[in-house]
C-alpha atoms as a PDB file:
ATOM      1  CA  MET A   1     -32.308 -23.678  29.711  1.00  0.00           C
ATOM      2  CA  ARG A   2     -34.753 -26.658  28.852  1.00  0.00           C
ATOM      3  CA  ARG A   3     -37.596 -24.083  28.422  1.00  0.00           C
ATOM      4  CA  ASN A   4     -35.315 -21.888  26.412  1.00  0.00           C
ATOM      5  CA  TYR A   5     -34.684 -24.629  23.831  1.00  0.00           C
ATOM      6  CA  HIS A   6     -38.335 -25.590  23.646  1.00  0.00           C
ATOM      7  CA  PHE A   7     -39.196 -21.869  23.092  1.00  0.00           C
ATOM      8  CA  GLN A   8     -36.677 -21.410  20.462  1.00  0.00           C
ATOM      9  CA  ALA A   9     -38.059 -24.305  18.433  1.00  0.00           C
ATOM     10  CA  GLU A  10     -41.630 -22.954  18.889  1.00  0.00           C
ATOM     11  CA  SER A  11     -40.605 -19.316  17.872  1.00  0.00           C
ATOM     12  CA  SER A  12     -38.835 -20.546  14.695  1.00  0.00           C
ATOM     13  CA  SER A  13     -42.315 -20.635  13.137  1.00  0.00           C
ATOM     14  CA  VAL A  14     -42.489 -16.938  13.127  1.00  0.00           C
ATOM     15  CA  SER A  15     -38.672 -15.926  13.224  1.00  0.00           C
ATOM     16  CA  ASN A  16     -38.482 -15.983   9.332  1.00  0.00           C
ATOM     17  CA  ALA A  17     -40.850 -13.012   8.956  1.00  0.00           C
ATOM     18  CA  GLN A  18     -39.720 -10.093   6.975  1.00  0.00           C
ATOM     19  CA  GLU A  19     -36.974  -8.111   8.982  1.00  0.00           C
ATOM     20  CA  GLU A  20     -38.704  -4.738   8.304  1.00  0.00           C
ATOM     21  CA  GLU A  21     -41.912  -6.047   9.943  1.00  0.00           C
ATOM     22  CA  VAL A  22     -40.542  -6.038  13.554  1.00  0.00           C
ATOM     23  CA  GLN A  23     -41.456  -4.362  16.748  1.00  0.00           C
ATOM     24  CA  VAL A  24     -39.195  -3.116  19.470  1.00  0.00           C
ATOM     25  CA  VAL A  25     -40.901  -3.959  22.749  1.00  0.00           C
ATOM     26  CA  ALA A  26     -39.915  -3.223  26.329  1.00  0.00           C
ATOM     27  CA  ALA A  27     -39.248  -5.978  28.804  1.00  0.00           C
ATOM     28  CA  PRO A  28     -42.260  -6.765  31.045  1.00  0.00           C
ATOM     29  CA  GLU A  29     -42.304  -4.374  33.956  1.00  0.00           C
ATOM     30  CA  ASP A  30     -41.380  -5.684  37.508  1.00  0.00           C
ATOM     31  CA  ASP A  31     -40.911  -3.255  40.488  1.00  0.00           C
ATOM     32  CA  THR A  32     -37.689  -5.418  41.546  1.00  0.00           C
ATOM     33  CA  LEU A  33     -36.611  -6.281  38.070  1.00  0.00           C
ATOM     34  CA  GLU A  34     -32.693  -6.483  37.927  1.00  0.00           C
ATOM     35  CA  VAL A  35     -31.154  -7.411  34.441  1.00  0.00           C
ATOM     36  CA  PHE A  36     -28.188  -9.298  35.765  1.00  0.00           C
ATOM     37  CA  PRO A  37     -27.668 -11.842  33.083  1.00  0.00           C
ATOM     38  CA  LEU A  38     -28.316  -9.007  30.524  1.00  0.00           C
ATOM     39  CA  ARG A  39     -28.042  -5.114  30.575  1.00  0.00           C
ATOM     40  CA  THR A  40     -30.733  -4.467  27.928  1.00  0.00           C
ATOM     41  CA  ASP A  41     -34.329  -4.384  28.395  1.00  0.00           C
ATOM     42  CA  VAL A  42     -35.352  -3.850  24.971  1.00  0.00           C
ATOM     43  CA  LEU A  43     -36.485  -7.029  22.880  1.00  0.00           C
ATOM     44  CA  ILE A  44     -37.126  -7.324  18.893  1.00  0.00           C
ATOM     45  CA  VAL A  45     -39.661  -9.470  17.758  1.00  0.00           C
ATOM     46  CA  PRO A  46     -41.819  -9.823  14.558  1.00  0.00           C
ATOM     47  CA  GLN A  47     -44.647  -7.465  14.181  1.00  0.00           C
ATOM     48  CA  TYR A  48     -47.400 -10.233  14.122  1.00  0.00           C
ATOM     49  CA  VAL A  49     -46.030 -12.504  16.712  1.00  0.00           C
ATOM     50  CA  PRO A  50     -48.964 -14.276  18.515  1.00  0.00           C
ATOM     51  CA  MET A  51     -49.761 -12.855  21.818  1.00  0.00           C
ATOM     52  CA  ALA A  52     -49.452 -16.019  23.600  1.00  0.00           C
ATOM     53  CA  LEU A  53     -45.913 -16.502  22.262  1.00  0.00           C
ATOM     54  CA  LEU A  54     -45.157 -12.840  23.226  1.00  0.00           C
ATOM     55  CA  SER A  55     -46.342 -13.351  26.782  1.00  0.00           C
ATOM     56  CA  GLU A  56     -44.347 -16.516  27.159  1.00  0.00           C
ATOM     57  CA  TYR A  57     -41.202 -14.778  25.867  1.00  0.00           C
ATOM     58  CA  HIS A  58     -41.709 -12.099  28.532  1.00  0.00           C
ATOM     59  CA  ALA A  59     -42.407 -14.481  31.160  1.00  0.00           C
ATOM     60  CA  TYR A  60     -39.107 -16.309  30.573  1.00  0.00           C
ATOM     61  CA  PHE A  61     -37.264 -13.111  31.024  1.00  0.00           C
ATOM     62  CA  LEU A  62     -38.963 -12.425  34.377  1.00  0.00           C
ATOM     63  CA  GLN A  63     -38.218 -15.829  35.509  1.00  0.00           C
ATOM     64  CA  TRP A  64     -34.541 -15.351  34.677  1.00  0.00           C
ATOM     65  CA  ASN A  65     -34.328 -11.943  36.355  1.00  0.00           C
ATOM     66  CA  ARG A  66     -35.991 -13.377  39.520  1.00  0.00           C
ATOM     67  CA  TRP A  67     -33.372 -16.169  39.489  1.00  0.00           C
ATOM     68  CA  SER A  68     -30.661 -13.527  39.221  1.00  0.00           C
ATOM     69  CA  ARG A  69     -31.874 -11.677  42.266  1.00  0.00           C
ATOM     70  CA  ALA A  70     -31.900 -14.840  44.276  1.00  0.00           C
ATOM     71  CA  PHE A  71     -28.262 -15.855  42.798  1.00  0.00           C
ATOM     72  CA  ARG A  72     -26.536 -12.388  42.964  1.00  0.00           C
ATOM     73  CA  LEU A  73     -25.974 -12.400  46.796  1.00  0.00           C
ATOM     74  CA  LEU A  74     -24.418 -15.920  46.539  1.00  0.00           C
ATOM     75  CA  PHE A  75     -22.338 -15.095  43.651  1.00  0.00           C
ATOM     76  CA  THR A  76     -21.070 -11.930  45.276  1.00  0.00           C
ATOM     77  CA  SER A  77     -20.135 -13.776  48.506  1.00  0.00           C
ATOM     78  CA  LEU A  78     -17.876 -16.372  46.659  1.00  0.00           C
ATOM     79  CA  GLN A  79     -16.482 -13.910  44.022  1.00  0.00           C
ATOM     80  CA  GLY A  80     -12.634 -13.534  44.289  1.00  0.00           C
ATOM     81  CA  SER A  81     -12.122 -16.939  46.284  1.00  0.00           C
ATOM     82  CA  LYS A  82     -10.779 -20.168  44.941  1.00  0.00           C
ATOM     83  CA  HIS A  83     -13.237 -22.407  46.611  1.00  0.00           C
ATOM     84  CA  LYS A  84     -14.882 -24.880  44.503  1.00  0.00           C
ATOM     85  CA  ASP A  85     -18.213 -23.432  44.913  1.00  0.00           C
ATOM     86  CA  TRP A  86     -17.124 -20.168  43.322  1.00  0.00           C
ATOM     87  CA  ILE A  87     -16.099 -22.285  40.100  1.00  0.00           C
ATOM     88  CA  GLY A  88     -19.461 -23.783  40.150  1.00  0.00           C
ATOM     89  CA  ALA A  89     -21.263 -20.413  40.502  1.00  0.00           C
ATOM     90  CA  THR A  90     -19.105 -18.766  37.817  1.00  0.00           C
ATOM     91  CA  LEU A  91     -20.055 -21.801  35.428  1.00  0.00           C
ATOM     92  CA  LEU A  92     -23.823 -21.288  36.306  1.00  0.00           C
ATOM     93  CA  LEU A  93     -23.639 -17.498  35.595  1.00  0.00           C
ATOM     94  CA  MET A  94     -22.109 -18.199  32.368  1.00  0.00           C
ATOM     95  CA  GLN A  95     -24.948 -20.543  31.549  1.00  0.00           C
ATOM     96  CA  ALA A  96     -27.384 -18.046  32.424  1.00  0.00           C
ATOM     97  CA  LYS A  97     -25.984 -15.330  30.391  1.00  0.00           C
ATOM     98  CA  MET A  98     -25.695 -17.468  27.326  1.00  0.00           C
ATOM     99  CA  SER A  99     -29.451 -18.740  27.863  1.00  0.00           C
ATOM    100  CA  CYS A 100     -30.501 -15.291  27.990  1.00  0.00           C
ATOM    101  CA  LEU A 101     -28.640 -14.208  24.920  1.00  0.00           C
ATOM    102  CA  ALA A 102     -30.137 -17.302  23.086  1.00  0.00           C
ATOM    103  CA  LEU A 103     -33.591 -16.259  24.297  1.00  0.00           C
ATOM    104  CA  ALA A 104     -33.156 -12.623  23.447  1.00  0.00           C
ATOM    105  CA  GLY A 105     -32.171 -13.579  19.709  1.00  0.00           C
ATOM    106  CA  ALA A 106     -35.081 -16.226  19.279  1.00  0.00           C
ATOM    107  CA  PHE A 107     -36.964 -14.202  16.775  1.00  0.00           C
ATOM    108  CA  SER A 108     -34.190 -12.577  14.961  1.00  0.00           C
ATOM    109  CA  THR A 109     -32.882 -13.889  11.608  1.00  0.00           C
ATOM    110  CA  LEU A 110     -30.043 -11.359  11.676  1.00  0.00           C
ATOM    111  CA  GLU A 111     -26.793 -11.783  13.334  1.00  0.00           C
ATOM    112  CA  ILE A 112     -26.316  -8.085  13.768  1.00  0.00           C
ATOM    113  CA  TYR A 113     -28.885  -8.162  16.471  1.00  0.00           C
ATOM    114  CA  TYR A 114     -26.348  -9.810  18.708  1.00  0.00           C
ATOM    115  CA  ASP A 115     -24.204  -6.590  18.236  1.00  0.00           C
ATOM    116  CA  ASN A 116     -26.468  -5.103  21.162  1.00  0.00           C
ATOM    117  CA  PHE A 117     -24.732  -7.704  23.340  1.00  0.00           C
ATOM    118  CA  LEU A 118     -21.079  -7.194  23.063  1.00  0.00           C
ATOM    119  CA  PHE A 119     -20.758  -6.416  26.592  1.00  0.00           C
ATOM    120  CA  GLU A 120     -22.488  -9.652  27.594  1.00  0.00           C
ATOM    121  CA  PHE A 121     -20.125 -11.682  25.141  1.00  0.00           C
ATOM    122  CA  GLN A 122     -17.108 -10.021  26.784  1.00  0.00           C
ATOM    123  CA  GLU A 123     -18.482 -10.909  30.294  1.00  0.00           C
ATOM    124  CA  ILE A 124     -18.957 -14.591  29.165  1.00  0.00           C
ATOM    125  CA  LEU A 125     -15.467 -14.548  27.942  1.00  0.00           C
ATOM    126  CA  ARG A 126     -14.126 -12.938  31.066  1.00  0.00           C
ATOM    127  CA  LEU A 127     -15.808 -15.561  33.300  1.00  0.00           C
ATOM    128  CA  ALA A 128     -14.530 -18.383  31.062  1.00  0.00           C
ATOM    129  CA  ILE A 129     -10.798 -17.014  31.281  1.00  0.00           C
ATOM    130  CA  SER A 130     -11.377 -16.601  35.150  1.00  0.00           C
ATOM    131  CA  VAL A 131     -11.988 -20.496  35.548  1.00  0.00           C
ATOM    132  CA  HIS A 132     -10.293 -22.085  32.613  1.00  0.00           C
ATOM    133  CA  LYS A 133      -6.857 -22.948  34.210  1.00  0.00           C
ATOM    134  CA  ASP A 134      -8.685 -24.215  37.411  1.00  0.00           C
ATOM    135  CA  LEU A 135     -10.903 -26.513  35.382  1.00  0.00           C
ATOM    136  CA  LEU A 136      -8.023 -27.914  33.351  1.00  0.00           C
ATOM    137  CA  LEU A 137      -5.746 -28.256  36.685  1.00  0.00           C
ATOM    138  CA  ILE A 138      -8.788 -30.232  38.233  1.00  0.00           C
ATOM    139  CA  ARG A 139      -8.916 -32.492  35.387  1.00  0.00           C
ATOM    140  CA  SER A 140      -5.272 -32.825  34.748  1.00  0.00           C
ATOM    141  CA  GLY A 141      -4.940 -36.114  36.334  1.00  0.00           C
ATOM    142  CA  SER A 142      -7.877 -37.914  34.674  1.00  0.00           C
ATOM    143  CA  LEU A 143      -9.204 -38.196  31.223  1.00  0.00           C
ATOM    144  CA  ARG A 144     -10.496 -34.509  31.424  1.00  0.00           C
ATOM    145  CA  TYR A 145     -14.037 -35.907  31.251  1.00  0.00           C
ATOM    146  CA  ASN A 146     -16.917 -34.199  33.088  1.00  0.00           C
ATOM    147  CA  PHE A 147     -20.510 -35.214  33.181  1.00  0.00           C
ATOM    148  CA  ASP A 148     -21.663 -31.593  33.869  1.00  0.00           C
ATOM    149  CA  GLY A 149     -21.694 -28.737  31.570  1.00  0.00           C
ATOM    150  CA  GLY A 150     -18.857 -26.129  31.817  1.00  0.00           C
ATOM    151  CA  ILE A 151     -17.464 -23.547  29.576  1.00  0.00           C
ATOM    152  CA  ILE A 152     -17.507 -25.231  26.107  1.00  0.00           C
ATOM    153  CA  PRO A 153     -21.177 -24.407  25.219  1.00  0.00           C
ATOM    154  CA  PRO A 154     -20.898 -20.646  26.334  1.00  0.00           C
ATOM    155  CA  LEU A 155     -17.489 -20.308  24.449  1.00  0.00           C
ATOM    156  CA  PHE A 156     -18.918 -21.930  21.236  1.00  0.00           C
ATOM    157  CA  PHE A 157     -21.876 -19.514  21.656  1.00  0.00           C
ATOM    158  CA  VAL A 158     -19.474 -16.446  21.714  1.00  0.00           C
ATOM    159  CA  ALA A 159     -17.313 -17.938  18.827  1.00  0.00           C
ATOM    160  CA  THR A 160     -20.370 -18.276  16.469  1.00  0.00           C
ATOM    161  CA  LYS A 161     -22.682 -15.634  17.500  1.00  0.00           C
ATOM    162  CA  CYS A 162     -20.421 -12.655  18.351  1.00  0.00           C
ATOM    163  CA  ARG A 163     -19.241 -10.599  15.290  1.00  0.00           C
ATOM    164  CA  ASP A 164     -16.544  -8.879  17.126  1.00  0.00           C
ATOM    165  CA  ARG A 165     -13.286 -10.496  15.635  1.00  0.00           C
ATOM    166  CA  THR A 166     -11.126  -9.974  18.794  1.00  0.00           C
ATOM    167  CA  VAL A 167     -13.710 -11.585  21.145  1.00  0.00           C
ATOM    168  CA  ARG A 168     -14.521 -14.432  18.811  1.00  0.00           C
ATOM    169  CA  ARG A 169     -10.956 -15.426  18.310  1.00  0.00           C
ATOM    170  CA  GLN A 170     -10.208 -15.027  22.142  1.00  0.00           C
ATOM    171  CA  ALA A 171     -13.092 -17.701  22.635  1.00  0.00           C
ATOM    172  CA  ILE A 172     -11.763 -19.880  19.779  1.00  0.00           C
ATOM    173  CA  LEU A 173      -8.232 -19.716  21.328  1.00  0.00           C
ATOM    174  CA  LEU A 174      -9.425 -21.023  24.852  1.00  0.00           C
ATOM    175  CA  LEU A 175     -11.180 -23.878  22.766  1.00  0.00           C
ATOM    176  CA  ALA A 176      -7.744 -24.734  21.201  1.00  0.00           C
ATOM    177  CA  SER A 177      -6.145 -25.556  24.524  1.00  0.00           C
ATOM    178  CA  PRO A 178      -5.437 -28.965  25.754  1.00  0.00           C
ATOM    179  CA  PRO A 179      -8.714 -30.953  24.829  1.00  0.00           C
ATOM    180  CA  TRP A 180     -11.299 -31.924  27.480  1.00  0.00           C
ATOM    181  CA  ARG A 181     -14.677 -33.234  27.578  1.00  0.00           C
ATOM    182  CA  GLU A 182     -17.969 -31.878  29.260  1.00  0.00           C
ATOM    183  CA  GLY A 183     -20.875 -34.090  28.890  1.00  0.00           C
ATOM    184  CA  VAL A 184     -21.645 -34.598  25.181  1.00  0.00           C
ATOM    185  CA  PHE A 185     -19.221 -31.655  24.233  1.00  0.00           C
ATOM    186  CA  ASP A 186     -15.702 -32.103  23.117  1.00  0.00           C
ATOM    187  CA  SER A 187     -13.611 -28.986  23.120  1.00  0.00           C
ATOM    188  CA  ALA A 188     -11.499 -30.020  20.113  1.00  0.00           C
ATOM    189  CA  CYS A 189     -14.549 -30.955  17.945  1.00  0.00           C
ATOM    190  CA  VAL A 190     -16.195 -27.558  18.965  1.00  0.00           C
ATOM    191  CA  TYR A 191     -13.042 -25.764  18.214  1.00  0.00           C
ATOM    192  CA  LYS A 192     -12.965 -27.067  14.660  1.00  0.00           C
ATOM    193  CA  MET A 193     -16.548 -26.284  14.089  1.00  0.00           C
ATOM    194  CA  ALA A 194     -16.074 -22.703  15.354  1.00  0.00           C
ATOM    195  CA  VAL A 195     -13.107 -22.158  13.192  1.00  0.00           C
ATOM    196  CA  TRP A 196     -15.155 -23.434  10.332  1.00  0.00           C
ATOM    197  CA  ILE A 197     -17.906 -21.141  10.874  1.00  0.00           C
ATOM    198  CA  MET A 198     -15.570 -18.107  11.463  1.00  0.00           C
ATOM    199  CA  ASN A 199     -13.831 -18.926   8.053  1.00  0.00           C
ATOM    200  CA  VAL A 200     -17.104 -19.195   6.125  1.00  0.00           C
ATOM    201  CA  GLU A 201     -18.542 -15.920   7.549  1.00  0.00           C
ATOM    202  CA  GLU A 202     -15.319 -14.013   7.101  1.00  0.00           C
ATOM    203  CA  GLU A 203     -14.402 -15.245   3.513  1.00  0.00           C
ATOM    204  CA  GLY A 204     -13.632 -12.350   1.245  1.00  0.00           C
ATOM    205  CA  ILE A 205     -13.919  -9.762   4.087  1.00  0.00           C
ATOM    206  CA  LEU A 206     -11.025  -7.385   4.451  1.00  0.00           C
ATOM    207  CA  GLU A 207      -9.502  -6.509   7.766  1.00  0.00           C
ATOM    208  CA  GLY A 208     -11.667  -4.068   9.511  1.00  0.00           C
ATOM    209  CA  ASP A 209     -14.825  -4.818   7.655  1.00  0.00           C
ATOM    210  CA  ASN A 210     -17.997  -6.018   9.344  1.00  0.00           C
ATOM    211  CA  VAL A 211     -18.907  -9.706   9.331  1.00  0.00           C
ATOM    212  CA  SER A 212     -22.090 -10.429   7.424  1.00  0.00           C
ATOM    213  CA  GLY A 213     -25.334  -9.755   9.437  1.00  0.00           C
ATOM    214  CA  TYR A 214     -27.241 -12.842   8.024  1.00  0.00           C
ATOM    215  CA  ARG A 215     -27.445 -16.160   9.633  1.00  0.00           C
ATOM    216  CA  GLY A 216     -26.154 -19.116   7.662  1.00  0.00           C
END
C-alpha cells in the first residue's frame, strides 16, 4: 500500500494527459499469474508514459498477484469460520482489492474507468458486510477505537469511486451505523464526506441516469 501511494503521486504528473491519447496494455505475463484481487488483466495508461514508470506499474501488479497466490490458500482455509484470524484475513483481502483498484486507476482522470471493476466493488462491499457486525461486537464494550486499519477506507473508496448507485449507497449505509474509529479514520466523518461527494456528483441527475465520468 505504501508503494501504491508513492506511485500514484509519481504517476499524477502524466495522468492529466488527453484522454484520447491512451493505450490499452496487457498486464505483464507470468506463467503462474492469478488475478485474485482483480479479475481484469487490461490496464489503460497515457500514450506517452515513460517506460520506467510503465515498468514500475507492471511490477507492482506482479507483486500483488504473487502475494495473492500465497494468501489464497490461507484465506480459503479460514473462510466460513468465525475465528478472529478469519476476520483479519478478510480485512487484509479488502485492503488488497482496494489497493489494486487504486493502482489500476492511477493514470486515469475519468471515473468511468472504474466501471470496469463493478464486480470488485461488489466484492469489497460483500466482504465488509461479512465482518461488520463482528467488528462492532468486538468493540461494543470499549470506545470502539482500533489502531489497525479495517473497513472504513475500503468502504469510503467504494462510496466515492463506484458510480453504481446501489453499491455506493450500500457502502454509505454501512458507514452510517454506530460510529467507530480505525486509526486515523472516523466512520462518522467519512460518512459525511461520502454523502457530500455523492450529492455533488449526482446533483441534477435524474433517476436512472449515469453519474458524471469526470473526477472532481
